[in-house]
Amino acid sequence: MYSFIYLASQSPRRQELLKQIGVRFEMLLPDPDEDSESIETPLPQEKARDYVERVTLAKSAVALARWQKSDLPWAPILCADTTVSLPNSPDGEILGKPVDAIDAARILSMLSGKNHEVLTAVAITVSPTQKPILLLQISNVQFAELTPEQIDAYIASGEPFGKAGAYGIQGLGGTFIPSIEGSYSGIMGLPVCETNQLLEIAGLTRV
């Protein structure tokens, strides 16, 4: 049994969601020399589901190696990744994080007035000698029709940056979403139902 886990993510939203469900965690953050961006680069013709599962397992492997180089006590390691999928889009399926304002406008214009999927994979490494256990959550999101002025104003807020699909449902981006089918927390970046299942498998005790 464990009283805490390691979270291998810098996402403040994932930290917030773990706190909401009463999970004690310590950060297991990347070393300065780690190239985390290359892990998140989609492979040619890669499907969204394959992508998000591959990236999450890659993050898990890197996080385990990070722990192995430390002198930290063992605890289960939690990793997650989120991507936005717009079937039949010019970019294929995967809409990642915008690289700049022009890219954010392009992504938001593609999402405008359409339904898309948000896929979040979450994995836990229960012991250093076991393969991670992974669960996938998929939500369907309806996006409102946006005017160019609305898109420009949203980009000016700064919220689209660092977020898959160039929006955050927990912030101003939520005003563009009439309905969802699935998991609100999964769209934020950590589906708490699936995460809780993994934590129970790992033997986490709640304080």
N, C-alpha and C. Protein backbone atom coordinates (compact mmCIF):
# COMPACT_ATOMS: atom_id res chain seq x y z
N MET A 1 0.84 -1.20 0.00
CA MET A 1 0.00 0.00 0.00
C MET A 1 0.88 1.25 0.00
N TYR A 2 0.40 2.27 -0.67
CA TYR A 2 1.15 3.52 -0.79
C TYR A 2 0.30 4.69 -0.30
N SER A 3 0.96 5.66 0.32
CA SER A 3 0.24 6.84 0.81
C SER A 3 0.30 8.00 -0.17
N PHE A 4 1.14 7.87 -1.22
CA PHE A 4 1.23 8.93 -2.21
C PHE A 4 1.65 8.33 -3.54
N ILE A 5 1.56 9.13 -4.60
CA ILE A 5 2.04 8.75 -5.91
C ILE A 5 2.97 9.84 -6.43
N TYR A 6 3.69 9.51 -7.50
CA TYR A 6 4.42 10.53 -8.25
C TYR A 6 3.57 10.93 -9.46
N LEU A 7 3.49 12.22 -9.70
CA LEU A 7 2.84 12.74 -10.89
C LEU A 7 3.93 13.22 -11.85
N ALA A 8 4.02 12.57 -13.01
CA ALA A 8 5.01 12.97 -14.00
C ALA A 8 4.35 13.86 -15.04
N SER A 9 3.92 15.03 -14.61
CA SER A 9 3.25 15.99 -15.49
C SER A 9 3.40 17.37 -14.88
N GLN A 10 3.62 18.36 -15.75
CA GLN A 10 3.71 19.73 -15.29
C GLN A 10 2.37 20.46 -15.39
N SER A 11 1.33 19.75 -15.81
CA SER A 11 0.02 20.37 -16.01
C SER A 11 -0.61 20.80 -14.69
N PRO A 12 -0.88 22.08 -14.51
CA PRO A 12 -1.56 22.52 -13.28
C PRO A 12 -2.98 21.96 -13.18
N ARG A 13 -3.60 21.66 -14.32
CA ARG A 13 -4.95 21.11 -14.30
C ARG A 13 -4.94 19.69 -13.73
N ARG A 14 -3.95 18.91 -14.08
CA ARG A 14 -3.87 17.54 -13.53
C ARG A 14 -3.58 17.59 -12.03
N GLN A 15 -2.74 18.51 -11.62
CA GLN A 15 -2.48 18.66 -10.19
C GLN A 15 -3.76 19.04 -9.44
N GLU A 16 -4.51 19.96 -10.02
CA GLU A 16 -5.76 20.42 -9.40
C GLU A 16 -6.76 19.28 -9.27
N LEU A 17 -6.88 18.45 -10.32
CA LEU A 17 -7.84 17.36 -10.29
C LEU A 17 -7.45 16.29 -9.26
N LEU A 18 -6.16 16.01 -9.13
CA LEU A 18 -5.73 15.06 -8.11
C LEU A 18 -6.04 15.57 -6.71
N LYS A 19 -5.83 16.86 -6.51
CA LYS A 19 -6.15 17.44 -5.20
C LYS A 19 -7.65 17.34 -4.92
N GLN A 20 -8.46 17.53 -5.95
CA GLN A 20 -9.91 17.48 -5.78
C GLN A 20 -10.39 16.11 -5.31
N ILE A 21 -9.70 15.05 -5.73
CA ILE A 21 -10.13 13.71 -5.31
C ILE A 21 -9.29 13.17 -4.15
N GLY A 22 -8.56 14.07 -3.51
CA GLY A 22 -7.88 13.73 -2.26
C GLY A 22 -6.66 12.86 -2.40
N VAL A 23 -5.94 13.01 -3.51
CA VAL A 23 -4.75 12.20 -3.74
C VAL A 23 -3.51 13.00 -3.36
N ARG A 24 -2.69 12.40 -2.52
CA ARG A 24 -1.40 13.02 -2.17
C ARG A 24 -0.39 12.64 -3.24
N PHE A 25 0.31 13.62 -3.77
CA PHE A 25 1.27 13.33 -4.83
C PHE A 25 2.50 14.22 -4.69
N GLU A 26 3.60 13.70 -5.25
CA GLU A 26 4.84 14.45 -5.37
C GLU A 26 5.14 14.60 -6.85
N MET A 27 5.77 15.68 -7.24
CA MET A 27 6.09 15.91 -8.64
C MET A 27 7.35 15.14 -9.04
N LEU A 28 7.29 14.54 -10.21
CA LEU A 28 8.46 13.87 -10.79
C LEU A 28 8.67 14.51 -12.16
N LEU A 29 9.35 15.65 -12.16
CA LEU A 29 9.40 16.51 -13.34
C LEU A 29 10.61 16.20 -14.22
N PRO A 30 10.53 16.58 -15.50
CA PRO A 30 11.62 16.29 -16.44
C PRO A 30 12.92 16.97 -16.03
N ASP A 31 14.03 16.30 -16.33
CA ASP A 31 15.34 16.92 -16.18
C ASP A 31 15.53 17.96 -17.28
N PRO A 32 16.41 18.95 -17.07
CA PRO A 32 16.61 19.99 -18.09
C PRO A 32 17.05 19.45 -19.44
N ASP A 33 17.74 18.30 -19.45
CA ASP A 33 18.26 17.77 -20.71
C ASP A 33 17.29 16.83 -21.42
N GLU A 34 16.09 16.63 -20.85
CA GLU A 34 15.12 15.75 -21.48
C GLU A 34 14.40 16.46 -22.63
N ASP A 35 14.20 15.73 -23.72
CA ASP A 35 13.52 16.28 -24.88
C ASP A 35 12.08 15.76 -24.89
N SER A 36 11.24 16.40 -24.08
CA SER A 36 9.86 15.94 -23.95
C SER A 36 9.03 16.24 -25.19
N GLU A 37 9.42 17.29 -25.94
CA GLU A 37 8.64 17.67 -27.12
C GLU A 37 8.69 16.59 -28.20
N SER A 38 9.84 15.92 -28.34
CA SER A 38 9.95 14.92 -29.39
C SER A 38 9.00 13.75 -29.15
N ILE A 39 8.74 13.43 -27.88
CA ILE A 39 7.79 12.37 -27.57
C ILE A 39 6.41 12.69 -28.11
N GLU A 40 6.05 13.97 -28.09
CA GLU A 40 4.70 14.37 -28.45
C GLU A 40 4.52 14.65 -29.95
N THR A 41 5.55 14.41 -30.74
CA THR A 41 5.43 14.61 -32.18
C THR A 41 4.70 13.43 -32.81
N PRO A 42 3.57 13.68 -33.48
CA PRO A 42 2.83 12.56 -34.08
C PRO A 42 3.64 11.88 -35.18
N LEU A 43 3.45 10.58 -35.31
CA LEU A 43 4.06 9.83 -36.40
C LEU A 43 3.23 10.02 -37.67
N PRO A 44 3.81 9.82 -38.84
CA PRO A 44 3.05 9.99 -40.08
C PRO A 44 1.80 9.10 -40.11
N GLN A 45 0.67 9.70 -40.41
CA GLN A 45 -0.62 8.98 -40.54
C GLN A 45 -1.08 8.33 -39.23
N GLU A 46 -0.54 8.77 -38.11
CA GLU A 46 -0.89 8.15 -36.83
C GLU A 46 -2.31 8.54 -36.41
N LYS A 47 -3.08 7.56 -35.99
CA LYS A 47 -4.44 7.80 -35.51
C LYS A 47 -4.39 8.37 -34.09
N ALA A 48 -5.44 9.11 -33.75
CA ALA A 48 -5.44 9.81 -32.46
C ALA A 48 -5.33 8.85 -31.28
N ARG A 49 -6.07 7.75 -31.34
CA ARG A 49 -6.02 6.80 -30.22
C ARG A 49 -4.62 6.20 -30.08
N ASP A 50 -4.04 5.78 -31.20
CA ASP A 50 -2.69 5.21 -31.16
C ASP A 50 -1.70 6.24 -30.62
N TYR A 51 -1.88 7.48 -31.05
CA TYR A 51 -0.98 8.56 -30.64
C TYR A 51 -1.01 8.77 -29.13
N VAL A 52 -2.20 8.96 -28.58
CA VAL A 52 -2.29 9.34 -27.17
C VAL A 52 -1.85 8.18 -26.27
N GLU A 53 -2.10 6.95 -26.69
CA GLU A 53 -1.64 5.81 -25.90
C GLU A 53 -0.11 5.66 -25.99
N ARG A 54 0.42 5.83 -27.21
CA ARG A 54 1.88 5.73 -27.38
C ARG A 54 2.60 6.79 -26.57
N VAL A 55 2.13 8.04 -26.63
CA VAL A 55 2.78 9.13 -25.92
C VAL A 55 2.72 8.90 -24.41
N THR A 56 1.58 8.44 -23.90
CA THR A 56 1.45 8.22 -22.47
C THR A 56 2.39 7.12 -21.99
N LEU A 57 2.50 6.05 -22.76
CA LEU A 57 3.42 4.97 -22.37
C LEU A 57 4.88 5.43 -22.49
N ALA A 58 5.16 6.28 -23.48
CA ALA A 58 6.53 6.81 -23.60
C ALA A 58 6.85 7.71 -22.42
N LYS A 59 5.89 8.54 -22.02
CA LYS A 59 6.09 9.38 -20.84
C LYS A 59 6.32 8.53 -19.60
N SER A 60 5.59 7.41 -19.50
CA SER A 60 5.75 6.52 -18.35
C SER A 60 7.15 5.93 -18.31
N ALA A 61 7.66 5.53 -19.47
CA ALA A 61 9.01 4.95 -19.53
C ALA A 61 10.07 5.98 -19.14
N VAL A 62 9.91 7.19 -19.64
CA VAL A 62 10.86 8.26 -19.31
C VAL A 62 10.80 8.60 -17.82
N ALA A 63 9.58 8.62 -17.29
CA ALA A 63 9.42 8.95 -15.87
C ALA A 63 10.04 7.87 -14.98
N LEU A 64 9.88 6.61 -15.37
CA LEU A 64 10.50 5.52 -14.61
C LEU A 64 12.02 5.65 -14.64
N ALA A 65 12.57 5.95 -15.81
CA ALA A 65 14.02 6.14 -15.91
C ALA A 65 14.48 7.31 -15.05
N ARG A 66 13.66 8.35 -14.99
CA ARG A 66 13.96 9.52 -14.16
C ARG A 66 14.03 9.12 -12.69
N TRP A 67 13.05 8.31 -12.25
CA TRP A 67 13.04 7.84 -10.86
C TRP A 67 14.27 6.97 -10.59
N GLN A 68 14.62 6.11 -11.55
CA GLN A 68 15.75 5.18 -11.35
C GLN A 68 17.06 5.93 -11.15
N LYS A 69 17.17 7.12 -11.70
CA LYS A 69 18.39 7.91 -11.54
C LYS A 69 18.39 8.72 -10.24
N SER A 70 17.26 8.71 -9.53
CA SER A 70 17.14 9.49 -8.30
C SER A 70 17.39 8.61 -7.09
N ASP A 71 17.37 9.24 -5.93
CA ASP A 71 17.43 8.46 -4.69
C ASP A 71 16.10 8.53 -3.95
N LEU A 72 15.03 8.72 -4.70
CA LEU A 72 13.70 8.84 -4.11
C LEU A 72 13.13 7.47 -3.75
N PRO A 73 12.31 7.40 -2.70
CA PRO A 73 11.63 6.14 -2.39
C PRO A 73 10.63 5.80 -3.49
N TRP A 74 10.31 4.53 -3.62
CA TRP A 74 9.38 4.13 -4.68
C TRP A 74 7.93 4.47 -4.30
N ALA A 75 7.19 4.92 -5.29
CA ALA A 75 5.74 5.06 -5.23
C ALA A 75 5.24 4.96 -6.66
N PRO A 76 3.99 4.57 -6.87
CA PRO A 76 3.47 4.47 -8.24
C PRO A 76 3.59 5.80 -8.99
N ILE A 77 3.83 5.70 -10.29
CA ILE A 77 4.02 6.88 -11.14
C ILE A 77 2.82 7.03 -12.07
N LEU A 78 2.22 8.20 -12.04
CA LEU A 78 1.05 8.48 -12.87
C LEU A 78 1.45 9.39 -14.03
N CYS A 79 1.07 9.00 -15.24
CA CYS A 79 1.31 9.80 -16.44
C CYS A 79 0.01 9.92 -17.23
N ALA A 80 -0.10 10.97 -18.01
CA ALA A 80 -1.30 11.15 -18.85
C ALA A 80 -0.94 11.99 -20.06
N ASP A 81 -1.77 11.86 -21.08
CA ASP A 81 -1.63 12.72 -22.25
C ASP A 81 -3.01 12.93 -22.86
N THR A 82 -3.23 14.12 -23.41
CA THR A 82 -4.52 14.48 -24.00
C THR A 82 -4.30 14.98 -25.42
N THR A 83 -5.17 14.56 -26.31
CA THR A 83 -5.14 15.11 -27.65
C THR A 83 -6.56 15.36 -28.14
N VAL A 84 -6.67 16.22 -29.13
CA VAL A 84 -7.95 16.56 -29.75
C VAL A 84 -7.96 15.97 -31.15
N SER A 85 -9.05 15.33 -31.48
CA SER A 85 -9.18 14.67 -32.77
C SER A 85 -10.35 15.26 -33.55
N LEU A 86 -10.07 15.70 -34.77
CA LEU A 86 -11.11 16.19 -35.67
C LEU A 86 -11.06 15.34 -36.93
N PRO A 87 -11.89 14.28 -36.99
CA PRO A 87 -11.86 13.41 -38.16
C PRO A 87 -12.09 14.19 -39.46
N ASN A 88 -11.36 13.79 -40.49
CA ASN A 88 -11.46 14.38 -41.83
C ASN A 88 -10.93 15.81 -41.89
N SER A 89 -10.16 16.24 -40.89
CA SER A 89 -9.59 17.58 -40.94
C SER A 89 -8.37 17.59 -41.86
N PRO A 90 -7.96 18.75 -42.34
CA PRO A 90 -6.77 18.83 -43.21
C PRO A 90 -5.50 18.32 -42.55
N ASP A 91 -5.47 18.33 -41.21
CA ASP A 91 -4.28 17.87 -40.49
C ASP A 91 -4.33 16.38 -40.16
N GLY A 92 -5.26 15.65 -40.77
CA GLY A 92 -5.47 14.29 -40.32
C GLY A 92 -6.33 14.34 -39.08
N GLU A 93 -6.04 13.51 -38.11
CA GLU A 93 -6.92 13.41 -36.95
C GLU A 93 -6.49 14.30 -35.80
N ILE A 94 -5.19 14.56 -35.66
CA ILE A 94 -4.66 15.08 -34.40
C ILE A 94 -4.46 16.58 -34.46
N LEU A 95 -5.08 17.29 -33.51
CA LEU A 95 -4.87 18.72 -33.37
C LEU A 95 -4.14 18.95 -32.05
N GLY A 96 -2.87 19.27 -32.13
CA GLY A 96 -2.06 19.40 -30.92
C GLY A 96 -2.07 20.81 -30.36
N LYS A 97 -1.00 21.13 -29.65
CA LYS A 97 -0.88 22.45 -29.04
C LYS A 97 -0.42 23.46 -30.10
N PRO A 98 -1.02 24.65 -30.12
CA PRO A 98 -0.62 25.63 -31.13
C PRO A 98 0.79 26.14 -30.87
N VAL A 99 1.51 26.37 -31.96
CA VAL A 99 2.89 26.85 -31.82
C VAL A 99 2.94 28.38 -31.71
N ASP A 100 1.90 29.05 -32.22
CA ASP A 100 1.85 30.51 -32.14
C ASP A 100 0.41 30.97 -32.37
N ALA A 101 0.19 32.29 -32.41
CA ALA A 101 -1.17 32.82 -32.55
C ALA A 101 -1.80 32.44 -33.88
N ILE A 102 -1.00 32.43 -34.94
CA ILE A 102 -1.54 32.06 -36.26
C ILE A 102 -2.00 30.61 -36.25
N ASP A 103 -1.21 29.74 -35.63
CA ASP A 103 -1.57 28.33 -35.54
C ASP A 103 -2.81 28.14 -34.68
N ALA A 104 -2.92 28.90 -33.58
CA ALA A 104 -4.11 28.81 -32.72
C ALA A 104 -5.36 29.22 -33.49
N ALA A 105 -5.25 30.28 -34.29
CA ALA A 105 -6.40 30.73 -35.09
C ALA A 105 -6.80 29.66 -36.11
N ARG A 106 -5.82 29.02 -36.70
CA ARG A 106 -6.09 27.95 -37.66
C ARG A 106 -6.84 26.79 -37.00
N ILE A 107 -6.37 26.37 -35.83
CA ILE A 107 -6.99 25.25 -35.13
C ILE A 107 -8.42 25.60 -34.70
N LEU A 108 -8.59 26.78 -34.10
CA LEU A 108 -9.92 27.18 -33.63
C LEU A 108 -10.89 27.33 -34.80
N SER A 109 -10.41 27.80 -35.94
CA SER A 109 -11.27 27.92 -37.12
C SER A 109 -11.71 26.54 -37.60
N MET A 110 -10.83 25.56 -37.49
CA MET A 110 -11.17 24.19 -37.88
C MET A 110 -12.21 23.59 -36.94
N LEU A 111 -12.12 23.89 -35.66
CA LEU A 111 -13.06 23.35 -34.68
C LEU A 111 -14.42 24.06 -34.73
N SER A 112 -14.44 25.30 -35.17
CA SER A 112 -15.65 26.13 -35.12
C SER A 112 -16.84 25.44 -35.79
N GLY A 113 -17.92 25.29 -35.03
CA GLY A 113 -19.16 24.74 -35.54
C GLY A 113 -19.16 23.23 -35.75
N LYS A 114 -18.12 22.56 -35.27
CA LYS A 114 -18.02 21.11 -35.50
C LYS A 114 -17.95 20.35 -34.17
N ASN A 115 -18.23 19.06 -34.25
CA ASN A 115 -18.01 18.17 -33.13
C ASN A 115 -16.62 17.55 -33.26
N HIS A 116 -15.96 17.40 -32.13
CA HIS A 116 -14.66 16.75 -32.14
C HIS A 116 -14.54 15.84 -30.93
N GLU A 117 -13.49 15.03 -30.92
CA GLU A 117 -13.23 14.14 -29.80
C GLU A 117 -12.02 14.63 -29.00
N VAL A 118 -12.10 14.46 -27.70
CA VAL A 118 -10.95 14.68 -26.83
C VAL A 118 -10.58 13.34 -26.21
N LEU A 119 -9.37 12.91 -26.44
CA LEU A 119 -8.89 11.62 -25.95
C LEU A 119 -7.83 11.85 -24.89
N THR A 120 -8.03 11.26 -23.72
CA THR A 120 -7.02 11.32 -22.67
C THR A 120 -6.69 9.90 -22.22
N ALA A 121 -5.43 9.55 -22.35
CA ALA A 121 -4.92 8.29 -21.83
C ALA A 121 -4.23 8.57 -20.50
N VAL A 122 -4.46 7.68 -19.55
CA VAL A 122 -3.82 7.81 -18.24
C VAL A 122 -3.23 6.45 -17.88
N ALA A 123 -2.00 6.46 -17.37
CA ALA A 123 -1.31 5.21 -17.06
C ALA A 123 -0.64 5.30 -15.70
N ILE A 124 -0.60 4.16 -15.04
CA ILE A 124 0.10 4.10 -13.76
C ILE A 124 1.12 2.97 -13.79
N THR A 125 2.32 3.26 -13.32
CA THR A 125 3.36 2.26 -13.16
C THR A 125 3.35 1.83 -11.70
N VAL A 126 2.88 0.62 -11.46
CA VAL A 126 2.66 0.15 -10.08
C VAL A 126 3.97 -0.23 -9.40
N SER A 127 4.90 -0.80 -10.17
CA SER A 127 6.20 -1.15 -9.61
C SER A 127 7.25 -0.98 -10.70
N PRO A 128 8.52 -0.84 -10.33
CA PRO A 128 9.57 -0.62 -11.33
C PRO A 128 9.73 -1.78 -12.31
N THR A 129 9.21 -2.96 -11.97
CA THR A 129 9.40 -4.13 -12.82
C THR A 129 8.16 -4.49 -13.62
N GLN A 130 7.09 -3.73 -13.48
CA GLN A 130 5.85 -4.03 -14.19
C GLN A 130 5.59 -3.00 -15.29
N LYS A 131 4.94 -3.47 -16.36
CA LYS A 131 4.53 -2.55 -17.41
C LYS A 131 3.42 -1.64 -16.90
N PRO A 132 3.34 -0.41 -17.37
CA PRO A 132 2.26 0.48 -16.93
C PRO A 132 0.89 -0.08 -17.31
N ILE A 133 -0.09 0.24 -16.50
CA ILE A 133 -1.49 -0.09 -16.78
C ILE A 133 -2.14 1.17 -17.33
N LEU A 134 -2.77 1.07 -18.48
CA LEU A 134 -3.29 2.25 -19.17
C LEU A 134 -4.79 2.14 -19.40
N LEU A 135 -5.48 3.26 -19.20
CA LEU A 135 -6.89 3.37 -19.54
C LEU A 135 -7.07 4.60 -20.44
N LEU A 136 -8.07 4.52 -21.32
CA LEU A 136 -8.33 5.60 -22.27
C LEU A 136 -9.75 6.12 -22.09
N GLN A 137 -9.89 7.44 -22.06
CA GLN A 137 -11.20 8.07 -21.98
C GLN A 137 -11.40 8.94 -23.22
N ILE A 138 -12.55 8.79 -23.88
CA ILE A 138 -12.85 9.57 -25.08
C ILE A 138 -14.16 10.33 -24.87
N SER A 139 -14.13 11.63 -25.08
CA SER A 139 -15.31 12.47 -24.97
C SER A 139 -15.61 13.12 -26.31
N ASN A 140 -16.90 13.33 -26.57
CA ASN A 140 -17.33 14.04 -27.77
C ASN A 140 -17.75 15.44 -27.38
N VAL A 141 -17.19 16.42 -28.05
CA VAL A 141 -17.40 17.82 -27.67
C VAL A 141 -18.03 18.58 -28.84
N GLN A 142 -19.12 19.27 -28.55
CA GLN A 142 -19.73 20.15 -29.54
C GLN A 142 -19.12 21.54 -29.39
N PHE A 143 -18.68 22.11 -30.51
CA PHE A 143 -18.03 23.43 -30.48
C PHE A 143 -18.92 24.43 -31.20
N ALA A 144 -19.09 25.60 -30.61
CA ALA A 144 -19.94 26.62 -31.22
C ALA A 144 -19.30 27.22 -32.46
N GLU A 145 -20.11 27.84 -33.28
CA GLU A 145 -19.61 28.59 -34.43
C GLU A 145 -18.99 29.89 -33.90
N LEU A 146 -17.73 30.13 -34.24
CA LEU A 146 -17.03 31.30 -33.74
C LEU A 146 -16.78 32.30 -34.87
N THR A 147 -16.92 33.56 -34.54
CA THR A 147 -16.57 34.61 -35.49
C THR A 147 -15.07 34.85 -35.44
N PRO A 148 -14.49 35.44 -36.49
CA PRO A 148 -13.07 35.78 -36.43
C PRO A 148 -12.73 36.69 -35.25
N GLU A 149 -13.67 37.56 -34.90
CA GLU A 149 -13.43 38.46 -33.76
C GLU A 149 -13.37 37.68 -32.45
N GLN A 150 -14.23 36.69 -32.30
CA GLN A 150 -14.20 35.86 -31.09
C GLN A 150 -12.90 35.07 -31.01
N ILE A 151 -12.47 34.55 -32.12
CA ILE A 151 -11.21 33.80 -32.15
C ILE A 151 -10.04 34.70 -31.77
N ASP A 152 -10.00 35.88 -32.34
CA ASP A 152 -8.90 36.82 -32.04
C ASP A 152 -8.89 37.21 -30.56
N ALA A 153 -10.08 37.46 -30.01
CA ALA A 153 -10.17 37.85 -28.60
C ALA A 153 -9.73 36.71 -27.69
N TYR A 154 -10.10 35.50 -28.06
CA TYR A 154 -9.71 34.35 -27.25
C TYR A 154 -8.20 34.13 -27.28
N ILE A 155 -7.62 34.27 -28.45
CA ILE A 155 -6.17 34.13 -28.57
C ILE A 155 -5.46 35.21 -27.76
N ALA A 156 -6.01 36.42 -27.79
CA ALA A 156 -5.42 37.53 -27.03
C ALA A 156 -5.42 37.27 -25.53
N SER A 157 -6.35 36.42 -25.06
CA SER A 157 -6.40 36.08 -23.63
C SER A 157 -5.22 35.21 -23.21
N GLY A 158 -4.58 34.55 -24.19
CA GLY A 158 -3.45 33.68 -23.89
C GLY A 158 -3.83 32.26 -23.54
N GLU A 159 -5.11 32.00 -23.36
CA GLU A 159 -5.53 30.67 -22.89
C GLU A 159 -5.25 29.53 -23.87
N PRO A 160 -5.30 29.74 -25.19
CA PRO A 160 -5.12 28.61 -26.10
C PRO A 160 -3.74 27.96 -26.06
N PHE A 161 -2.74 28.67 -25.57
CA PHE A 161 -1.37 28.16 -25.68
C PHE A 161 -1.08 27.10 -24.63
N GLY A 162 -0.38 26.06 -25.06
CA GLY A 162 -0.06 24.95 -24.18
C GLY A 162 -1.18 23.96 -24.01
N LYS A 163 -2.22 24.08 -24.84
CA LYS A 163 -3.39 23.20 -24.71
C LYS A 163 -3.69 22.53 -26.04
N ALA A 164 -3.89 21.23 -26.01
CA ALA A 164 -4.28 20.51 -27.21
C ALA A 164 -5.60 21.06 -27.73
N GLY A 165 -5.67 21.28 -29.04
CA GLY A 165 -6.88 21.83 -29.62
C GLY A 165 -7.03 23.33 -29.42
N ALA A 166 -6.07 23.96 -28.80
CA ALA A 166 -6.03 25.42 -28.62
C ALA A 166 -7.17 25.98 -27.78
N TYR A 167 -7.67 25.17 -26.84
CA TYR A 167 -8.67 25.72 -25.92
C TYR A 167 -8.64 24.96 -24.60
N GLY A 168 -9.16 25.62 -23.56
CA GLY A 168 -9.30 24.99 -22.25
C GLY A 168 -10.74 25.05 -21.81
N ILE A 169 -11.36 23.89 -21.59
CA ILE A 169 -12.78 23.86 -21.24
C ILE A 169 -13.03 24.46 -19.86
N GLN A 170 -12.00 24.45 -18.99
CA GLN A 170 -12.18 24.94 -17.62
C GLN A 170 -12.07 26.46 -17.54
N GLY A 171 -11.76 27.12 -18.65
CA GLY A 171 -11.61 28.57 -18.66
C GLY A 171 -12.58 29.22 -19.63
N LEU A 172 -12.10 30.25 -20.30
CA LEU A 172 -12.93 30.95 -21.28
C LEU A 172 -13.40 30.03 -22.40
N GLY A 173 -12.59 29.04 -22.72
CA GLY A 173 -12.96 28.10 -23.77
C GLY A 173 -14.26 27.38 -23.49
N GLY A 174 -14.61 27.26 -22.23
CA GLY A 174 -15.87 26.60 -21.88
C GLY A 174 -17.09 27.34 -22.41
N THR A 175 -16.96 28.63 -22.69
CA THR A 175 -18.10 29.40 -23.21
C THR A 175 -18.39 29.06 -24.67
N PHE A 176 -17.49 28.32 -25.32
CA PHE A 176 -17.70 27.94 -26.71
C PHE A 176 -18.30 26.54 -26.85
N ILE A 177 -18.61 25.89 -25.72
CA ILE A 177 -18.98 24.48 -25.76
C ILE A 177 -20.41 24.29 -25.24
N PRO A 178 -21.39 24.13 -26.16
CA PRO A 178 -22.77 23.95 -25.74
C PRO A 178 -23.01 22.63 -25.01
N SER A 179 -22.29 21.56 -25.41
CA SER A 179 -22.55 20.27 -24.77
C SER A 179 -21.36 19.34 -24.96
N ILE A 180 -21.27 18.37 -24.05
CA ILE A 180 -20.27 17.31 -24.16
C ILE A 180 -20.94 15.98 -23.88
N GLU A 181 -20.36 14.93 -24.42
CA GLU A 181 -20.71 13.56 -24.06
C GLU A 181 -19.42 12.90 -23.59
N GLY A 182 -19.35 12.59 -22.31
CA GLY A 182 -18.13 11.99 -21.81
C GLY A 182 -17.73 12.55 -20.46
N SER A 183 -16.45 12.82 -20.30
CA SER A 183 -15.89 13.19 -19.01
C SER A 183 -15.34 14.61 -19.06
N TYR A 184 -15.92 15.49 -18.24
CA TYR A 184 -15.42 16.87 -18.16
C TYR A 184 -13.97 16.87 -17.69
N SER A 185 -13.66 16.07 -16.67
CA SER A 185 -12.29 16.05 -16.17
C SER A 185 -11.34 15.44 -17.20
N GLY A 186 -11.84 14.51 -18.00
CA GLY A 186 -11.01 13.95 -19.07
C GLY A 186 -10.66 15.00 -20.10
N ILE A 187 -11.60 15.88 -20.42
CA ILE A 187 -11.34 16.96 -21.36
C ILE A 187 -10.33 17.94 -20.75
N MET A 188 -10.39 18.14 -19.44
CA MET A 188 -9.40 18.99 -18.77
C MET A 188 -8.00 18.38 -18.82
N GLY A 189 -7.93 17.04 -18.89
CA GLY A 189 -6.62 16.42 -18.99
C GLY A 189 -6.37 15.25 -18.07
N LEU A 190 -7.34 14.92 -17.20
CA LEU A 190 -7.17 13.76 -16.32
C LEU A 190 -8.55 13.23 -15.93
N PRO A 191 -9.02 12.17 -16.58
CA PRO A 191 -10.34 11.62 -16.23
C PRO A 191 -10.31 11.00 -14.84
N VAL A 192 -11.05 11.60 -13.91
CA VAL A 192 -10.89 11.18 -12.51
C VAL A 192 -11.47 9.80 -12.24
N CYS A 193 -12.47 9.38 -13.00
CA CYS A 193 -13.03 8.04 -12.79
C CYS A 193 -11.98 6.98 -13.14
N GLU A 194 -11.42 7.07 -14.34
CA GLU A 194 -10.40 6.12 -14.76
C GLU A 194 -9.15 6.23 -13.88
N THR A 195 -8.78 7.44 -13.50
CA THR A 195 -7.62 7.63 -12.64
C THR A 195 -7.83 6.94 -11.30
N ASN A 196 -9.02 7.07 -10.74
CA ASN A 196 -9.32 6.43 -9.46
C ASN A 196 -9.23 4.91 -9.57
N GLN A 197 -9.69 4.37 -10.70
CA GLN A 197 -9.58 2.92 -10.90
C GLN A 197 -8.12 2.48 -10.87
N LEU A 198 -7.26 3.25 -11.52
CA LEU A 198 -5.84 2.91 -11.54
C LEU A 198 -5.20 3.05 -10.16
N LEU A 199 -5.61 4.06 -9.42
CA LEU A 199 -5.06 4.25 -8.07
C LEU A 199 -5.47 3.12 -7.14
N GLU A 200 -6.67 2.61 -7.31
CA GLU A 200 -7.10 1.46 -6.51
C GLU A 200 -6.29 0.23 -6.85
N ILE A 201 -6.02 0.02 -8.15
CA ILE A 201 -5.19 -1.10 -8.56
C ILE A 201 -3.80 -0.97 -7.95
N ALA A 202 -3.29 0.25 -7.89
CA ALA A 202 -1.94 0.50 -7.35
C ALA A 202 -1.87 0.37 -5.83
N GLY A 203 -3.02 0.32 -5.17
CA GLY A 203 -3.03 0.19 -3.71
C GLY A 203 -2.81 1.48 -2.97
N LEU A 204 -3.28 2.58 -3.54
CA LEU A 204 -3.11 3.88 -2.88
C LEU A 204 -4.08 4.01 -1.72
N THR A 205 -3.57 4.44 -0.59
CA THR A 205 -4.44 4.74 0.55
C THR A 205 -4.69 6.24 0.61
N ARG A 206 -5.94 6.61 0.86
CA ARG A 206 -6.30 8.02 0.93
C ARG A 206 -6.14 8.52 2.37
N VAL A 207 -5.65 9.73 2.49
CA VAL A 207 -5.49 10.33 3.81
C VAL A 207 -6.78 10.99 4.22
